[in-house]
Every structure is written in structure tokens, then in C-alpha cells.
N, C-alpha and C. Protein backbone atom coordinates (compact mmCIF):
# COMPACT_ATOMS: atom_id res chain seq x y z
N UNK A 1 49.15 -1.31 -24.08
CA UNK A 1 48.45 -1.27 -22.81
C UNK A 1 47.12 -0.53 -22.90
N UNK A 2 46.92 0.31 -23.91
CA UNK A 2 45.69 1.10 -23.95
C UNK A 2 44.44 0.22 -24.01
N UNK A 3 44.54 -0.95 -24.65
CA UNK A 3 43.34 -1.79 -24.75
C UNK A 3 42.90 -2.33 -23.39
N UNK A 4 43.81 -2.38 -22.41
CA UNK A 4 43.45 -2.91 -21.10
C UNK A 4 42.48 -1.99 -20.36
N UNK A 5 42.45 -0.71 -20.73
CA UNK A 5 41.56 0.23 -20.07
C UNK A 5 40.10 -0.19 -20.19
N UNK A 6 39.76 -0.83 -21.30
CA UNK A 6 38.38 -1.21 -21.56
C UNK A 6 38.06 -2.59 -21.01
N UNK A 7 39.06 -3.24 -20.44
CA UNK A 7 38.85 -4.59 -19.93
C UNK A 7 38.14 -4.53 -18.57
N UNK A 8 37.39 -5.57 -18.33
CA UNK A 8 36.69 -5.69 -17.05
C UNK A 8 37.61 -6.38 -16.06
N UNK A 9 37.33 -6.25 -14.76
CA UNK A 9 38.18 -6.93 -13.77
C UNK A 9 38.06 -8.45 -13.87
N UNK A 10 39.01 -9.11 -13.23
CA UNK A 10 39.00 -10.56 -13.14
C UNK A 10 38.56 -10.91 -11.72
N UNK A 11 37.62 -11.81 -11.62
CA UNK A 11 37.08 -12.24 -10.35
C UNK A 11 37.95 -13.36 -9.78
N UNK A 12 38.41 -13.21 -8.55
CA UNK A 12 39.17 -14.27 -7.88
C UNK A 12 38.35 -14.73 -6.68
N UNK A 13 38.03 -16.03 -6.65
CA UNK A 13 37.22 -16.58 -5.58
C UNK A 13 38.09 -17.41 -4.64
N UNK A 14 38.06 -17.04 -3.36
CA UNK A 14 38.84 -17.74 -2.33
C UNK A 14 37.91 -18.26 -1.24
N UNK A 15 38.37 -19.28 -0.56
CA UNK A 15 37.63 -19.80 0.60
C UNK A 15 37.79 -18.81 1.76
N UNK A 16 36.80 -18.76 2.65
CA UNK A 16 36.91 -17.85 3.80
C UNK A 16 38.07 -18.20 4.72
N UNK A 17 38.42 -19.50 4.76
CA UNK A 17 39.62 -19.88 5.50
C UNK A 17 40.29 -21.06 4.79
N UNK A 18 41.61 -21.11 4.96
CA UNK A 18 42.43 -22.18 4.37
C UNK A 18 42.50 -22.17 2.85
N UNK A 19 42.48 -20.96 2.24
CA UNK A 19 42.85 -20.90 0.82
C UNK A 19 44.37 -21.01 0.79
N UNK A 20 44.93 -21.42 -0.34
CA UNK A 20 46.39 -21.58 -0.43
C UNK A 20 47.01 -20.22 -0.78
N UNK A 21 47.80 -19.69 0.13
CA UNK A 21 48.36 -18.34 0.01
C UNK A 21 49.05 -18.07 -1.32
N UNK A 22 50.00 -18.94 -1.71
CA UNK A 22 50.77 -18.69 -2.93
C UNK A 22 49.86 -18.64 -4.15
N UNK A 23 48.87 -19.52 -4.15
CA UNK A 23 47.97 -19.59 -5.30
C UNK A 23 47.17 -18.31 -5.45
N UNK A 24 46.80 -17.71 -4.34
CA UNK A 24 46.08 -16.44 -4.40
C UNK A 24 47.03 -15.28 -4.70
N UNK A 25 48.03 -15.08 -3.84
CA UNK A 25 48.87 -13.89 -3.95
C UNK A 25 49.71 -13.86 -5.21
N UNK A 26 50.30 -14.99 -5.61
CA UNK A 26 51.14 -15.02 -6.81
C UNK A 26 50.30 -14.90 -8.08
N UNK A 27 49.15 -15.55 -8.12
CA UNK A 27 48.28 -15.45 -9.30
C UNK A 27 47.79 -14.01 -9.44
N UNK A 28 47.33 -13.43 -8.34
CA UNK A 28 46.83 -12.04 -8.33
C UNK A 28 47.94 -11.08 -8.79
N UNK A 29 49.15 -11.29 -8.28
CA UNK A 29 50.28 -10.43 -8.65
C UNK A 29 50.56 -10.52 -10.15
N UNK A 30 50.56 -11.72 -10.70
CA UNK A 30 50.81 -11.89 -12.14
C UNK A 30 49.73 -11.19 -12.97
N UNK A 31 48.49 -11.32 -12.55
CA UNK A 31 47.39 -10.67 -13.28
C UNK A 31 47.51 -9.15 -13.21
N UNK A 32 47.80 -8.64 -12.02
CA UNK A 32 47.91 -7.19 -11.86
C UNK A 32 49.16 -6.65 -12.55
N UNK A 33 50.25 -7.42 -12.55
CA UNK A 33 51.46 -7.00 -13.28
C UNK A 33 51.19 -6.90 -14.79
N UNK A 34 50.23 -7.71 -15.26
CA UNK A 34 49.86 -7.68 -16.68
C UNK A 34 48.83 -6.59 -16.97
N UNK A 35 48.46 -5.81 -15.95
CA UNK A 35 47.55 -4.68 -16.15
C UNK A 35 46.09 -4.96 -15.87
N UNK A 36 45.79 -6.11 -15.27
CA UNK A 36 44.40 -6.46 -14.98
C UNK A 36 44.01 -6.05 -13.57
N UNK A 37 42.79 -5.56 -13.43
CA UNK A 37 42.24 -5.28 -12.11
C UNK A 37 41.62 -6.59 -11.61
N UNK A 38 41.75 -6.86 -10.32
CA UNK A 38 41.14 -8.06 -9.76
C UNK A 38 40.17 -7.68 -8.64
N UNK A 39 39.14 -8.48 -8.50
CA UNK A 39 38.16 -8.34 -7.42
C UNK A 39 38.13 -9.69 -6.70
N UNK A 40 38.23 -9.67 -5.38
CA UNK A 40 38.22 -10.91 -4.60
C UNK A 40 36.83 -11.13 -4.00
N UNK A 41 36.37 -12.37 -4.10
CA UNK A 41 35.06 -12.74 -3.55
C UNK A 41 35.19 -14.04 -2.76
N UNK A 42 34.24 -14.26 -1.87
CA UNK A 42 34.20 -15.50 -1.09
C UNK A 42 32.74 -15.80 -0.74
N UNK A 43 32.53 -16.72 0.18
CA UNK A 43 31.18 -17.06 0.63
C UNK A 43 30.48 -15.81 1.15
N UNK A 44 31.22 -14.99 1.89
CA UNK A 44 30.68 -13.72 2.37
C UNK A 44 31.79 -12.68 2.34
N UNK A 45 31.41 -11.39 2.45
CA UNK A 45 32.39 -10.30 2.48
C UNK A 45 33.20 -10.38 3.76
N UNK A 46 34.42 -9.86 3.72
CA UNK A 46 35.22 -9.77 4.93
C UNK A 46 36.57 -10.45 4.79
N UNK A 47 37.25 -10.61 5.91
CA UNK A 47 38.61 -11.16 5.92
C UNK A 47 38.58 -12.66 5.64
N UNK A 48 39.48 -13.08 4.74
CA UNK A 48 39.66 -14.50 4.42
C UNK A 48 41.08 -14.87 4.83
N UNK A 49 41.24 -16.06 5.35
CA UNK A 49 42.52 -16.48 5.92
C UNK A 49 43.15 -17.60 5.10
N UNK A 50 44.41 -17.39 4.73
CA UNK A 50 45.15 -18.41 4.00
C UNK A 50 45.67 -19.50 4.92
N UNK A 51 45.96 -20.65 4.34
CA UNK A 51 46.45 -21.79 5.13
C UNK A 51 47.88 -21.58 5.64
N UNK A 52 48.59 -20.58 5.09
CA UNK A 52 49.96 -20.29 5.51
C UNK A 52 50.05 -18.99 6.30
N UNK A 53 48.90 -18.43 6.71
CA UNK A 53 48.90 -17.23 7.54
C UNK A 53 48.59 -15.92 6.83
N UNK A 54 48.46 -15.96 5.50
CA UNK A 54 48.12 -14.74 4.76
C UNK A 54 46.66 -14.37 4.94
N UNK A 55 46.34 -13.13 4.65
CA UNK A 55 44.96 -12.65 4.75
C UNK A 55 44.64 -11.81 3.52
N UNK A 56 43.38 -11.84 3.14
CA UNK A 56 42.89 -10.94 2.12
C UNK A 56 41.45 -10.57 2.48
N UNK A 57 40.93 -9.59 1.80
CA UNK A 57 39.56 -9.18 2.07
C UNK A 57 38.69 -9.50 0.87
N UNK A 58 37.62 -10.25 1.12
CA UNK A 58 36.63 -10.51 0.07
C UNK A 58 35.75 -9.27 -0.03
N UNK A 59 35.78 -8.66 -1.21
CA UNK A 59 35.01 -7.44 -1.44
C UNK A 59 33.55 -7.75 -1.73
N UNK A 60 33.28 -9.01 -2.09
CA UNK A 60 31.92 -9.41 -2.45
C UNK A 60 31.63 -10.82 -1.96
N UNK A 61 30.35 -11.09 -1.76
CA UNK A 61 29.89 -12.46 -1.51
C UNK A 61 29.52 -13.05 -2.87
N UNK A 62 29.80 -14.35 -3.06
CA UNK A 62 29.60 -14.91 -4.40
C UNK A 62 28.15 -14.86 -4.88
N UNK A 63 27.18 -14.85 -3.97
CA UNK A 63 25.80 -14.82 -4.45
C UNK A 63 25.45 -13.50 -5.10
N UNK A 64 26.23 -12.43 -4.85
CA UNK A 64 25.91 -11.14 -5.47
C UNK A 64 26.68 -10.88 -6.75
N UNK A 65 27.39 -11.87 -7.25
CA UNK A 65 28.22 -11.67 -8.44
C UNK A 65 27.39 -11.72 -9.72
N UNK A 66 27.55 -10.67 -10.52
CA UNK A 66 26.98 -10.60 -11.86
C UNK A 66 28.15 -10.84 -12.82
N UNK A 67 28.14 -11.99 -13.49
CA UNK A 67 29.29 -12.36 -14.33
C UNK A 67 29.51 -11.42 -15.51
N UNK A 68 28.50 -10.63 -15.87
CA UNK A 68 28.65 -9.65 -16.96
C UNK A 68 29.74 -8.62 -16.62
N UNK A 69 30.00 -8.44 -15.33
CA UNK A 69 30.93 -7.41 -14.87
C UNK A 69 32.40 -7.82 -14.95
N UNK A 70 32.68 -9.06 -15.36
CA UNK A 70 34.05 -9.60 -15.28
C UNK A 70 34.50 -10.24 -16.59
N UNK A 71 35.81 -10.26 -16.79
CA UNK A 71 36.40 -10.91 -17.96
C UNK A 71 36.73 -12.38 -17.72
N UNK A 72 36.65 -12.81 -16.48
CA UNK A 72 36.95 -14.20 -16.17
C UNK A 72 36.87 -14.44 -14.69
N UNK A 73 36.94 -15.73 -14.32
CA UNK A 73 36.91 -16.11 -12.92
C UNK A 73 38.07 -17.05 -12.63
N UNK A 74 38.65 -16.90 -11.44
CA UNK A 74 39.75 -17.76 -10.98
C UNK A 74 39.35 -18.33 -9.63
N UNK A 75 39.31 -19.66 -9.55
CA UNK A 75 39.03 -20.33 -8.28
C UNK A 75 40.37 -20.75 -7.68
N UNK A 76 40.65 -20.25 -6.47
CA UNK A 76 41.90 -20.55 -5.78
C UNK A 76 41.73 -21.81 -4.94
N UNK A 77 42.77 -22.63 -4.93
CA UNK A 77 42.72 -23.90 -4.20
C UNK A 77 43.11 -23.76 -2.74
N UNK A 78 43.58 -24.86 -2.20
CA UNK A 78 43.85 -24.97 -0.77
C UNK A 78 42.74 -25.78 -0.14
N UNK A 79 42.97 -26.32 1.08
CA UNK A 79 41.98 -27.20 1.70
C UNK A 79 40.61 -26.55 1.86
N UNK A 80 40.57 -25.25 2.06
CA UNK A 80 39.29 -24.56 2.25
C UNK A 80 38.42 -24.52 1.02
N UNK A 81 39.02 -24.69 -0.17
CA UNK A 81 38.24 -24.55 -1.41
C UNK A 81 37.19 -25.64 -1.57
N UNK A 82 37.28 -26.70 -0.77
CA UNK A 82 36.25 -27.75 -0.82
C UNK A 82 34.86 -27.18 -0.54
N UNK A 83 34.81 -26.04 0.16
CA UNK A 83 33.53 -25.39 0.47
C UNK A 83 32.75 -25.05 -0.81
N UNK A 84 33.47 -24.93 -1.93
CA UNK A 84 32.85 -24.57 -3.21
C UNK A 84 32.54 -25.77 -4.10
N UNK A 85 32.99 -26.98 -3.72
CA UNK A 85 32.82 -28.16 -4.58
C UNK A 85 31.37 -28.35 -5.01
N UNK A 86 30.43 -28.16 -4.07
CA UNK A 86 29.01 -28.38 -4.36
C UNK A 86 28.20 -27.09 -4.21
N UNK A 87 28.87 -25.95 -4.36
CA UNK A 87 28.23 -24.66 -4.16
C UNK A 87 27.53 -24.20 -5.44
N UNK A 88 26.22 -24.02 -5.36
CA UNK A 88 25.43 -23.64 -6.55
C UNK A 88 25.89 -22.31 -7.15
N UNK A 89 26.26 -21.34 -6.31
CA UNK A 89 26.71 -20.05 -6.85
C UNK A 89 28.05 -20.18 -7.57
N UNK A 90 28.95 -20.97 -7.02
CA UNK A 90 30.24 -21.19 -7.68
C UNK A 90 30.02 -21.85 -9.04
N UNK A 91 29.13 -22.84 -9.09
CA UNK A 91 28.82 -23.53 -10.36
C UNK A 91 28.15 -22.57 -11.35
N UNK A 92 27.23 -21.75 -10.85
CA UNK A 92 26.55 -20.76 -11.71
C UNK A 92 27.57 -19.81 -12.33
N UNK A 93 28.47 -19.30 -11.51
CA UNK A 93 29.47 -18.35 -11.99
C UNK A 93 30.34 -19.00 -13.07
N UNK A 94 30.81 -20.21 -12.82
CA UNK A 94 31.66 -20.92 -13.80
C UNK A 94 30.90 -21.13 -15.10
N UNK A 95 29.65 -21.59 -15.01
CA UNK A 95 28.87 -21.89 -16.22
C UNK A 95 28.53 -20.62 -17.00
N UNK A 96 28.18 -19.54 -16.30
CA UNK A 96 27.86 -18.28 -16.99
C UNK A 96 29.09 -17.72 -17.69
N UNK A 97 30.24 -17.75 -17.01
CA UNK A 97 31.48 -17.25 -17.63
C UNK A 97 31.79 -18.08 -18.87
N UNK A 98 31.67 -19.41 -18.74
CA UNK A 98 31.96 -20.29 -19.86
C UNK A 98 31.00 -20.02 -21.03
N UNK A 99 29.73 -19.84 -20.74
CA UNK A 99 28.73 -19.58 -21.78
C UNK A 99 29.06 -18.29 -22.55
N UNK A 100 29.67 -17.33 -21.86
CA UNK A 100 30.07 -16.07 -22.50
C UNK A 100 31.49 -16.12 -23.06
N UNK A 101 32.06 -17.33 -23.11
CA UNK A 101 33.41 -17.56 -23.63
C UNK A 101 34.47 -16.74 -22.88
N UNK A 102 34.23 -16.55 -21.59
CA UNK A 102 35.21 -15.88 -20.74
C UNK A 102 36.10 -16.94 -20.09
N UNK A 103 37.20 -16.51 -19.52
CA UNK A 103 38.14 -17.44 -18.90
C UNK A 103 37.56 -18.01 -17.60
N UNK A 104 37.65 -19.33 -17.47
CA UNK A 104 37.27 -20.03 -16.24
C UNK A 104 38.54 -20.78 -15.82
N UNK A 105 39.11 -20.38 -14.67
CA UNK A 105 40.38 -20.94 -14.24
C UNK A 105 40.29 -21.47 -12.81
N UNK A 106 41.07 -22.52 -12.54
CA UNK A 106 41.09 -23.09 -11.20
C UNK A 106 42.44 -23.76 -10.97
N UNK A 107 42.91 -23.69 -9.72
CA UNK A 107 44.23 -24.21 -9.38
C UNK A 107 44.13 -25.15 -8.17
N UNK A 108 45.06 -26.08 -8.08
CA UNK A 108 45.19 -27.01 -6.96
C UNK A 108 44.02 -27.99 -6.96
N UNK A 109 43.19 -28.02 -5.89
CA UNK A 109 42.02 -28.91 -5.87
C UNK A 109 40.79 -28.20 -6.44
N UNK A 110 40.88 -26.90 -6.68
CA UNK A 110 39.73 -26.12 -7.17
C UNK A 110 39.20 -26.56 -8.54
N UNK A 111 39.99 -27.21 -9.42
CA UNK A 111 39.38 -27.70 -10.66
C UNK A 111 38.20 -28.64 -10.43
N UNK A 112 38.10 -29.23 -9.23
CA UNK A 112 36.95 -30.07 -8.90
C UNK A 112 35.66 -29.23 -8.95
N UNK A 113 35.75 -27.96 -8.60
CA UNK A 113 34.58 -27.07 -8.64
C UNK A 113 34.04 -27.00 -10.07
N UNK A 114 34.94 -26.73 -11.02
CA UNK A 114 34.47 -26.60 -12.40
C UNK A 114 34.13 -27.97 -13.00
N UNK A 115 34.79 -29.03 -12.52
CA UNK A 115 34.42 -30.38 -12.97
C UNK A 115 32.99 -30.69 -12.55
N UNK A 116 32.66 -30.39 -11.29
CA UNK A 116 31.31 -30.67 -10.78
C UNK A 116 30.25 -29.77 -11.40
N UNK A 117 30.68 -28.65 -11.98
CA UNK A 117 29.71 -27.78 -12.67
C UNK A 117 29.44 -28.29 -14.09
N UNK A 118 30.19 -29.32 -14.50
CA UNK A 118 29.98 -29.93 -15.81
C UNK A 118 30.88 -29.40 -16.91
N UNK A 119 31.76 -28.45 -16.57
CA UNK A 119 32.57 -27.80 -17.61
C UNK A 119 33.81 -28.58 -18.06
N UNK A 120 34.20 -29.61 -17.33
CA UNK A 120 35.41 -30.33 -17.72
C UNK A 120 35.13 -31.59 -18.54
N UNK A 121 33.88 -31.84 -18.86
CA UNK A 121 33.55 -33.02 -19.66
C UNK A 121 34.26 -32.92 -21.02
N UNK A 122 35.05 -33.95 -21.34
CA UNK A 122 35.84 -34.01 -22.59
C UNK A 122 36.79 -32.81 -22.75
N UNK A 123 37.29 -32.31 -21.64
CA UNK A 123 38.19 -31.16 -21.64
C UNK A 123 39.51 -31.56 -20.99
N UNK A 124 40.63 -31.14 -21.60
CA UNK A 124 41.93 -31.40 -21.00
C UNK A 124 42.09 -30.50 -19.78
N UNK A 125 42.50 -31.10 -18.66
CA UNK A 125 42.64 -30.33 -17.42
C UNK A 125 43.67 -30.99 -16.52
N UNK A 126 44.16 -30.22 -15.57
CA UNK A 126 45.05 -30.75 -14.55
C UNK A 126 44.49 -30.37 -13.19
N UNK A 127 45.05 -30.98 -12.15
CA UNK A 127 44.54 -30.78 -10.79
C UNK A 127 45.61 -31.30 -9.83
N UNK A 128 45.53 -30.93 -8.57
CA UNK A 128 46.43 -31.48 -7.55
C UNK A 128 46.25 -33.00 -7.52
N UNK A 129 47.32 -33.73 -7.30
CA UNK A 129 47.33 -35.19 -7.46
C UNK A 129 46.24 -35.93 -6.69
N UNK A 130 45.82 -35.40 -5.54
CA UNK A 130 44.80 -36.10 -4.75
C UNK A 130 43.43 -36.10 -5.42
N UNK A 131 43.23 -35.24 -6.40
CA UNK A 131 41.90 -35.09 -7.02
C UNK A 131 41.84 -35.53 -8.48
N UNK A 132 42.88 -36.21 -8.97
CA UNK A 132 42.89 -36.66 -10.37
C UNK A 132 41.65 -37.51 -10.67
N UNK A 133 41.37 -38.48 -9.81
CA UNK A 133 40.21 -39.35 -10.03
C UNK A 133 38.91 -38.56 -9.99
N UNK A 134 38.84 -37.55 -9.13
CA UNK A 134 37.62 -36.73 -9.03
C UNK A 134 37.30 -36.04 -10.35
N UNK A 135 38.28 -35.38 -10.95
CA UNK A 135 37.97 -34.67 -12.20
C UNK A 135 37.71 -35.66 -13.34
N UNK A 136 38.40 -36.80 -13.33
CA UNK A 136 38.15 -37.82 -14.36
C UNK A 136 36.72 -38.33 -14.25
N UNK A 137 36.23 -38.49 -13.02
CA UNK A 137 34.87 -38.96 -12.79
C UNK A 137 33.84 -38.05 -13.46
N UNK A 138 34.18 -36.77 -13.59
CA UNK A 138 33.27 -35.81 -14.22
C UNK A 138 33.63 -35.58 -15.70
N UNK A 139 34.42 -36.48 -16.25
CA UNK A 139 34.67 -36.45 -17.69
C UNK A 139 35.90 -35.71 -18.16
N UNK A 140 36.69 -35.18 -17.24
CA UNK A 140 37.91 -34.46 -17.64
C UNK A 140 38.93 -35.43 -18.23
N UNK A 141 39.73 -34.92 -19.14
CA UNK A 141 40.86 -35.66 -19.69
C UNK A 141 42.08 -35.13 -18.96
N UNK A 142 42.61 -35.92 -18.01
CA UNK A 142 43.73 -35.45 -17.19
C UNK A 142 44.97 -35.26 -18.05
N UNK A 143 45.53 -34.04 -18.05
CA UNK A 143 46.68 -33.72 -18.91
C UNK A 143 48.02 -34.04 -18.26
N UNK A 144 48.07 -34.04 -16.93
CA UNK A 144 49.34 -34.28 -16.24
C UNK A 144 50.29 -33.09 -16.28
N UNK A 145 49.87 -31.98 -16.87
CA UNK A 145 50.72 -30.78 -16.97
C UNK A 145 50.62 -29.94 -15.70
N UNK A 146 51.60 -29.06 -15.50
CA UNK A 146 51.56 -28.13 -14.37
C UNK A 146 50.42 -27.13 -14.58
N UNK A 147 50.30 -26.61 -15.80
CA UNK A 147 49.21 -25.72 -16.18
C UNK A 147 48.66 -26.24 -17.50
N UNK A 148 47.35 -26.33 -17.58
CA UNK A 148 46.71 -26.87 -18.76
C UNK A 148 45.65 -25.90 -19.26
N UNK A 149 45.62 -25.67 -20.57
CA UNK A 149 44.58 -24.81 -21.14
C UNK A 149 43.88 -25.57 -22.25
N UNK A 150 42.56 -25.56 -22.20
CA UNK A 150 41.73 -26.16 -23.24
C UNK A 150 40.63 -25.14 -23.52
N UNK A 151 40.78 -24.41 -24.61
CA UNK A 151 39.84 -23.33 -24.92
C UNK A 151 39.93 -22.25 -23.86
N UNK A 152 38.78 -21.91 -23.26
CA UNK A 152 38.76 -20.86 -22.24
C UNK A 152 38.91 -21.41 -20.82
N UNK A 153 39.18 -22.72 -20.70
CA UNK A 153 39.36 -23.34 -19.38
C UNK A 153 40.86 -23.48 -19.09
N UNK A 154 41.29 -22.93 -17.96
CA UNK A 154 42.70 -23.02 -17.55
C UNK A 154 42.75 -23.63 -16.16
N UNK A 155 43.57 -24.69 -16.02
CA UNK A 155 43.72 -25.35 -14.72
C UNK A 155 45.19 -25.48 -14.40
N UNK A 156 45.50 -25.54 -13.10
CA UNK A 156 46.88 -25.72 -12.65
C UNK A 156 46.88 -26.67 -11.47
N UNK A 157 48.04 -27.32 -11.26
CA UNK A 157 48.09 -28.42 -10.30
C UNK A 157 48.50 -28.06 -8.87
N UNK A 158 48.83 -26.80 -8.60
CA UNK A 158 49.16 -26.47 -7.22
C UNK A 158 50.02 -25.24 -7.07
N UNK A 159 50.46 -24.97 -5.83
CA UNK A 159 51.16 -23.72 -5.51
C UNK A 159 52.43 -23.45 -6.33
N UNK A 160 53.16 -24.48 -6.69
CA UNK A 160 54.40 -24.27 -7.47
C UNK A 160 54.10 -23.73 -8.87
N UNK A 161 52.86 -23.91 -9.31
CA UNK A 161 52.46 -23.48 -10.66
C UNK A 161 51.74 -22.13 -10.66
N UNK A 162 51.61 -21.49 -9.49
CA UNK A 162 50.79 -20.28 -9.37
C UNK A 162 51.22 -19.15 -10.30
N UNK A 163 52.51 -18.88 -10.40
CA UNK A 163 52.96 -17.78 -11.28
C UNK A 163 52.66 -18.08 -12.75
N UNK A 164 52.99 -19.30 -13.18
CA UNK A 164 52.70 -19.68 -14.56
C UNK A 164 51.19 -19.64 -14.82
N UNK A 165 50.40 -20.08 -13.85
CA UNK A 165 48.94 -20.06 -13.93
C UNK A 165 48.46 -18.63 -14.17
N UNK A 166 48.95 -17.69 -13.36
CA UNK A 166 48.58 -16.28 -13.52
C UNK A 166 48.96 -15.74 -14.89
N UNK A 167 50.14 -16.14 -15.39
CA UNK A 167 50.59 -15.70 -16.71
C UNK A 167 49.70 -16.26 -17.82
N UNK A 168 49.33 -17.54 -17.71
CA UNK A 168 48.43 -18.16 -18.69
C UNK A 168 47.10 -17.40 -18.74
N UNK A 169 46.56 -17.09 -17.56
CA UNK A 169 45.27 -16.40 -17.49
C UNK A 169 45.37 -15.02 -18.13
N UNK A 170 46.42 -14.26 -17.77
CA UNK A 170 46.60 -12.91 -18.31
C UNK A 170 46.69 -12.95 -19.84
N UNK A 171 47.44 -13.91 -20.36
CA UNK A 171 47.61 -14.04 -21.81
C UNK A 171 46.27 -14.40 -22.47
N UNK A 172 45.55 -15.34 -21.88
CA UNK A 172 44.27 -15.77 -22.45
C UNK A 172 43.24 -14.64 -22.43
N UNK A 173 43.22 -13.86 -21.38
CA UNK A 173 42.26 -12.75 -21.30
C UNK A 173 42.63 -11.68 -22.33
N UNK A 174 43.91 -11.42 -22.51
CA UNK A 174 44.34 -10.46 -23.53
C UNK A 174 43.92 -10.95 -24.92
N UNK A 175 44.07 -12.26 -25.18
CA UNK A 175 43.66 -12.82 -26.47
C UNK A 175 42.15 -12.74 -26.64
N UNK A 176 41.39 -13.02 -25.59
CA UNK A 176 39.92 -12.91 -25.65
C UNK A 176 39.50 -11.48 -25.95
N UNK A 177 40.18 -10.53 -25.32
CA UNK A 177 39.87 -9.12 -25.50
C UNK A 177 40.13 -8.72 -26.95
N UNK A 178 41.25 -9.20 -27.48
CA UNK A 178 41.62 -8.91 -28.87
C UNK A 178 40.57 -9.48 -29.83
N UNK A 179 40.12 -10.74 -29.54
CA UNK A 179 39.10 -11.39 -30.38
C UNK A 179 37.79 -10.60 -30.34
N UNK A 180 37.39 -10.14 -29.16
CA UNK A 180 36.11 -9.43 -29.08
C UNK A 180 36.20 -8.07 -29.77
N UNK A 181 37.36 -7.42 -29.74
CA UNK A 181 37.54 -6.16 -30.46
C UNK A 181 37.40 -6.42 -31.96
N UNK A 182 38.04 -7.50 -32.45
CA UNK A 182 37.93 -7.84 -33.87
C UNK A 182 36.49 -8.19 -34.24
N UNK A 183 35.82 -8.97 -33.39
CA UNK A 183 34.43 -9.35 -33.66
C UNK A 183 33.51 -8.13 -33.69
N UNK A 184 33.76 -7.17 -32.81
CA UNK A 184 32.94 -5.96 -32.80
C UNK A 184 33.16 -5.14 -34.06
N UNK A 185 34.40 -5.13 -34.56
CA UNK A 185 34.70 -4.39 -35.78
C UNK A 185 34.04 -5.04 -36.99
N UNK A 186 33.91 -6.35 -36.95
CA UNK A 186 33.32 -7.09 -38.07
C UNK A 186 31.80 -6.98 -38.11
N UNK A 187 31.18 -6.59 -36.99
CA UNK A 187 29.71 -6.48 -36.94
C UNK A 187 29.20 -5.29 -37.72
């Protein structure tokens, strides 16, 4: 656990309303149980409302996010996440994290966000069934799995996969951290 002290927080992006509760709360819980700090962001700071009645507070607005401060980003699904499909800041965050070989994760319909940012081209990914054609249109190779990982990209198909999704992310971030420690030692 000592290596986690040097790790940066994980950014979780939710819609201001109608994010999917299980996808946020269960993913966050899995990440925090694995020793990761999380920071929640949305379109603007303040209370965000889940589609099942849950609430969380966005500590940051996405336009103020500096990706250098985080080990990865998680886009939470639910009907409200469509607000990010064509959002330039959401795309910037995904692309910057990917360029730095950090984890870029999305669940439910949120993989459309990273597909539209160009990151799913020739990449194995999964998504909620209503959006399979959408991610394929942007070049994704639909895996059909509950949770799919291709390099630093992790996608999941919906609320039933939230815990496994969180576990995949925690494991991938730990592996990335281990790789960067080894790379720093080799320099």
C-alpha cells in the first residue's frame, strides 16, 4: 500500500443530472477500497443528481481540469451523460489522459464520449446495447464483454458491471504506477 501514497487522484466525471447512481457510487467505492483518492467533476461545481435519487457534489467544473493532476479519468453513464458526447472539454480530458498513457474509462453510454474524441478507433470496447452502433461508427471494435480493456482504455456496458469496472480501473492504475516507477528507475 505504500506506493499508493505517491499516486494522484482519479477523476470521475458525472452529468449534473441523471447520472447512473450505481455506476458512480459502486465504481467510486471500488476505487477508494483499493486505496485511490477520487475527485468528482461535472459541467459546473455543485450538487449532481443521479437518475435513481442519489446525489454527489462536483468539486470541480470540467473546464478547470488539469489532467497532469490525475492518474486517470472515469466517465459515468446514465441518460445525463449525453451532455458530454460533444463536449470539447470532455474530449480534451480524454485525449490528454490517453496521450500521457493514463487510464481513460467509461461505462454504460459514456464510451460514446471517448469514441467521439477519437480514442476508440481500432480499439476493443464495450458499451450499453443502445449505443453499439455509435461506437462502431467511430471505429471501435465492439467486444460484447461486460468490461473490456484495450491498453489504457477501459469500458463497461452498464450498472450491473460497475463493481467489476471499478476493480479493472484500480488494477490498471496500480499497474501503470508500477510501470512508471520502473521507468523512472531505468532513467
